[in-house]
Amino acid sequence: MRAQHDRNINESPFKLFAAIRETRVQSRVSVNVPQQSARPKKSKQKAKAARPGRRAELALRHLAIQLPAPSYYHDKEPVEIQLIHALEENPPQGTKAVEWFLLTTIKIESAKDIEKCLRWYTLRWRIEDWHRVLKSGCKIDDLAHETAERLRRAIGINLVIAWRIMLMTLLGRETPELPAEILFSDVELRTLHAYAKKKIKPPFVTR
């Protein structure tokens, strides 16, 4: 998970972020940073500027730490956890550098383990897109079945539908020349053609 707050850590004069920055670089990797569409400010969300996609070269650091329990849990033991720092040391001009502080319970014993955890974290963009398709495309928040079992079945079907929508969207963007027969059967294509003809309005003709 992404660390949002610069917390105190046990047996260290530094806080979380400063402590990891003081350690040596253990590996370097290249990751895809996806494009980001501009987003206006909303009541509970900050505005976001548009960002083109790019490759980012990241320096990786790692530190095993102990996070003390909050004051209202003063009788609890500290939590042992792994901290990963990923920093883009030379971002493109005019671009904010990528910098992530990641907390994980995965055991880390080598640079390869650090890289593996980072790769897993970069999958979050796809997962967030999938959740967005489920909510905005499949409208699972609007399901109103009378029993939990029916709701589980409906969500299960929509999980597959959302995956197919994402797959078609990605293929359409990256390889638009692919024939539709790769994903659709003859019956499905005929149905889509009929539906498209029904949706297309005839041109307005004046006399």
Protein backbone atom coordinates (compact mmCIF):
# COMPACT_ATOMS: atom_id res chain seq x y z
CA MET A 1 0.00 0.00 0.00
CA ARG A 2 1.06 3.60 -0.57
CA ALA A 3 2.27 5.47 2.52
CA GLN A 4 0.48 8.81 2.76
CA HIS A 5 1.72 10.13 6.12
CA ASP A 6 5.31 10.75 7.25
CA ARG A 7 5.14 8.75 10.47
CA ASN A 8 7.55 8.31 13.34
CA ILE A 9 9.51 5.06 13.41
CA ASN A 10 11.10 3.28 16.35
CA GLU A 11 14.82 3.60 17.11
CA SER A 12 15.47 6.25 14.46
CA PRO A 13 16.17 10.00 14.61
CA PHE A 14 14.32 10.36 11.30
CA LYS A 15 10.72 10.06 10.31
CA LEU A 16 9.54 7.55 7.71
CA PHE A 17 10.35 9.41 4.48
CA ALA A 18 13.72 10.84 5.59
CA ALA A 19 14.90 7.49 6.94
CA ILE A 20 14.42 5.66 3.65
CA ARG A 21 16.00 8.49 1.65
CA GLU A 22 19.18 8.05 3.72
CA THR A 23 19.66 4.44 2.58
CA ARG A 24 21.58 3.31 -0.50
CA VAL A 25 20.00 2.58 -3.89
CA GLN A 26 19.58 -1.20 -4.24
CA SER A 27 18.16 -1.44 -7.75
CA ARG A 28 16.93 0.54 -10.76
CA VAL A 29 13.91 -0.30 -12.89
CA SER A 30 11.91 1.19 -15.73
CA VAL A 31 8.12 1.36 -15.43
CA ASN A 32 5.26 2.70 -17.53
CA VAL A 33 3.55 5.77 -16.13
CA PRO A 34 0.11 5.85 -17.84
CA GLN A 35 -1.43 8.99 -19.23
CA GLN A 36 -3.80 10.89 -16.99
CA SER A 37 -6.80 12.84 -18.19
CA ALA A 38 -7.51 16.22 -16.67
CA ARG A 39 -10.03 16.12 -13.82
CA PRO A 40 -11.92 19.14 -12.48
CA LYS A 41 -12.12 19.77 -8.75
CA LYS A 42 -14.97 18.01 -6.99
CA SER A 43 -16.30 18.26 -3.46
CA LYS A 44 -14.08 15.45 -2.12
CA GLN A 45 -11.41 15.31 -4.84
CA LYS A 46 -8.64 17.65 -5.88
CA ALA A 47 -8.33 18.81 -9.46
CA LYS A 48 -5.77 16.96 -11.59
CA ALA A 49 -3.93 18.27 -14.63
CA ALA A 50 -3.59 16.15 -17.77
CA ARG A 51 -0.42 14.05 -17.95
CA PRO A 52 0.98 12.23 -21.00
CA GLY A 53 2.13 8.64 -20.57
CA ARG A 54 5.86 7.91 -20.41
CA ARG A 55 8.56 5.54 -19.21
CA ALA A 56 10.11 6.42 -15.87
CA GLU A 57 13.48 5.22 -14.60
CA LEU A 58 13.18 4.63 -10.85
CA ALA A 59 15.85 4.18 -8.18
CA LEU A 60 14.73 1.70 -5.51
CA ARG A 61 15.55 1.66 -1.81
CA HIS A 62 14.39 -0.62 0.98
CA LEU A 63 14.26 -0.48 4.75
CA ALA A 64 12.77 -2.82 7.36
CA ILE A 65 11.07 -0.65 10.00
CA GLN A 66 8.91 -0.75 13.10
CA LEU A 67 5.91 1.54 13.22
CA PRO A 68 4.82 2.40 16.77
CA ALA A 69 1.18 1.93 17.60
CA PRO A 70 -1.02 5.08 17.75
CA SER A 71 -1.34 6.77 21.14
CA TYR A 72 -4.85 5.38 21.61
CA TYR A 73 -3.33 1.87 21.26
CA HIS A 74 -0.40 2.54 23.61
CA ASP A 75 -0.57 -1.00 24.98
CA LYS A 76 0.05 -2.57 21.54
CA GLU A 77 3.41 -3.70 20.17
CA PRO A 78 5.03 -1.90 17.20
CA VAL A 79 4.22 -3.25 13.73
CA GLU A 80 7.16 -4.69 11.77
CA ILE A 81 6.85 -3.80 8.10
CA GLN A 82 8.91 -3.32 4.93
CA LEU A 83 9.28 0.13 3.38
CA ILE A 84 10.11 0.59 -0.32
CA HIS A 85 11.08 3.93 -1.84
CA ALA A 86 10.85 4.44 -5.62
CA LEU A 87 12.18 7.75 -6.98
CA GLU A 88 12.50 9.10 -10.51
CA GLU A 89 15.83 10.92 -10.27
CA ASN A 90 15.77 12.56 -13.71
CA PRO A 91 12.17 13.37 -14.70
CA PRO A 92 11.41 15.15 -18.00
CA GLN A 93 11.65 18.92 -17.83
CA GLY A 94 8.49 20.48 -16.45
CA THR A 95 7.25 17.13 -15.13
CA LYS A 96 6.82 16.21 -11.47
CA ALA A 97 9.07 13.32 -10.51
CA VAL A 98 7.52 9.99 -9.60
CA GLU A 99 8.10 9.25 -5.91
CA TRP A 100 6.40 6.42 -4.07
CA PHE A 101 6.70 5.23 -0.48
CA LEU A 102 5.28 1.72 -0.30
CA LEU A 103 4.52 -0.32 2.82
CA THR A 104 4.29 -4.10 2.52
CA THR A 105 4.22 -7.21 4.68
CA ILE A 106 5.90 -9.23 1.90
CA LYS A 107 9.25 -10.61 3.01
CA ILE A 108 12.10 -8.78 1.24
CA GLU A 109 15.53 -10.36 1.10
CA SER A 110 16.96 -9.10 -2.19
CA ALA A 111 16.74 -6.42 -4.87
CA LYS A 112 14.60 -8.83 -6.92
CA ASP A 113 12.05 -8.90 -4.10
CA ILE A 114 11.93 -5.09 -4.13
CA GLU A 115 11.38 -5.06 -7.90
CA LYS A 116 8.64 -7.69 -7.62
CA CYS A 117 6.72 -5.64 -5.05
CA LEU A 118 7.04 -2.54 -7.21
CA ARG A 119 5.72 -4.38 -10.28
CA TRP A 120 2.72 -5.53 -8.26
CA TYR A 121 2.06 -1.96 -7.18
CA THR A 122 2.10 -0.67 -10.78
CA LEU A 123 -0.83 -2.99 -11.53
CA ARG A 124 -3.03 -0.71 -9.44
CA TRP A 125 -3.80 1.47 -12.49
CA ARG A 126 -5.39 -1.48 -14.27
CA ILE A 127 -7.25 -2.49 -11.12
CA GLU A 128 -8.58 1.06 -10.65
CA ASP A 129 -9.69 1.14 -14.31
CA TRP A 130 -11.47 -2.18 -13.79
CA HIS A 131 -13.32 -0.86 -10.74
CA ARG A 132 -14.28 2.26 -12.71
CA VAL A 133 -15.74 0.12 -15.52
CA LEU A 134 -17.66 -1.93 -12.95
CA LYS A 135 -19.16 1.20 -11.40
CA SER A 136 -19.68 3.53 -14.35
CA GLY A 137 -20.04 1.02 -17.19
CA CYS A 138 -21.76 -1.94 -15.54
CA LYS A 139 -23.55 0.17 -12.89
CA ILE A 140 -23.08 -2.42 -10.14
CA ASP A 141 -23.85 0.23 -7.52
CA ASP A 142 -27.39 0.35 -8.90
CA LEU A 143 -28.08 -3.38 -8.47
CA ALA A 144 -31.09 -3.90 -6.21
CA HIS A 145 -31.59 -7.63 -5.81
CA GLU A 146 -33.58 -8.90 -2.86
CA THR A 147 -31.02 -11.42 -1.59
CA ALA A 148 -27.24 -11.45 -1.13
CA GLU A 149 -26.96 -14.62 -3.25
CA ARG A 150 -28.60 -12.92 -6.24
CA LEU A 151 -26.36 -9.90 -5.75
CA ARG A 152 -23.23 -12.12 -5.70
CA ARG A 153 -24.31 -13.81 -8.93
CA ALA A 154 -24.97 -10.49 -10.67
CA ILE A 155 -21.62 -9.05 -9.54
CA GLY A 156 -19.85 -12.24 -10.68
CA ILE A 157 -21.30 -11.87 -14.18
CA ASN A 158 -20.41 -8.18 -14.28
CA LEU A 159 -16.81 -8.91 -13.25
CA VAL A 160 -16.35 -10.86 -16.48
CA ILE A 161 -18.19 -8.23 -18.53
CA ALA A 162 -15.99 -5.45 -17.12
CA TRP A 163 -12.86 -7.47 -17.95
CA ARG A 164 -14.07 -7.93 -21.54
CA ILE A 165 -14.83 -4.22 -21.87
CA MET A 166 -11.34 -3.35 -20.62
CA LEU A 167 -9.74 -5.86 -22.99
CA MET A 168 -11.62 -4.45 -25.99
CA THR A 169 -10.77 -0.88 -24.99
CA LEU A 170 -7.04 -1.63 -24.64
CA LEU A 171 -6.89 -3.57 -27.91
CA GLY A 172 -8.83 -0.82 -29.68
CA ARG A 173 -6.31 1.78 -28.54
CA GLU A 174 -3.11 -0.20 -29.09
CA THR A 175 -3.98 -2.36 -32.11
CA PRO A 176 -7.02 -0.80 -33.81
CA GLU A 177 -6.37 -2.76 -37.01
CA LEU A 178 -7.30 -6.11 -35.38
CA PRO A 179 -10.44 -7.70 -36.89
CA ALA A 180 -13.54 -7.89 -34.70
CA GLU A 181 -13.72 -11.68 -35.24
CA ILE A 182 -10.92 -12.10 -32.68
CA LEU A 183 -13.28 -11.22 -29.85
CA PHE A 184 -16.77 -11.77 -31.28
CA SER A 185 -18.57 -14.74 -32.81
CA ASP A 186 -20.55 -14.48 -36.05
CA VAL A 187 -23.83 -14.35 -34.11
CA GLU A 188 -22.51 -11.58 -31.86
CA LEU A 189 -21.30 -9.55 -34.85
CA ARG A 190 -24.64 -9.85 -36.65
CA THR A 191 -26.41 -8.76 -33.47
CA LEU A 192 -24.11 -5.75 -33.07
CA HIS A 193 -24.57 -4.74 -36.72
CA ALA A 194 -28.35 -4.91 -36.33
CA TYR A 195 -28.19 -2.89 -33.10
CA ALA A 196 -25.93 -0.28 -34.70
CA LYS A 197 -28.31 0.16 -37.66
CA LYS A 198 -31.20 0.61 -35.24
CA LYS A 199 -29.31 3.27 -33.26
CA ILE A 200 -28.15 5.26 -36.32
CA LYS A 201 -30.69 7.93 -37.14
CA PRO A 202 -31.42 8.68 -40.81
CA PRO A 203 -30.13 12.01 -42.08
CA PHE A 204 -32.49 14.96 -41.72
CA VAL A 205 -33.98 15.85 -45.08
CA THR A 206 -35.56 19.21 -45.80
CA ARG A 207 -38.08 19.81 -48.53
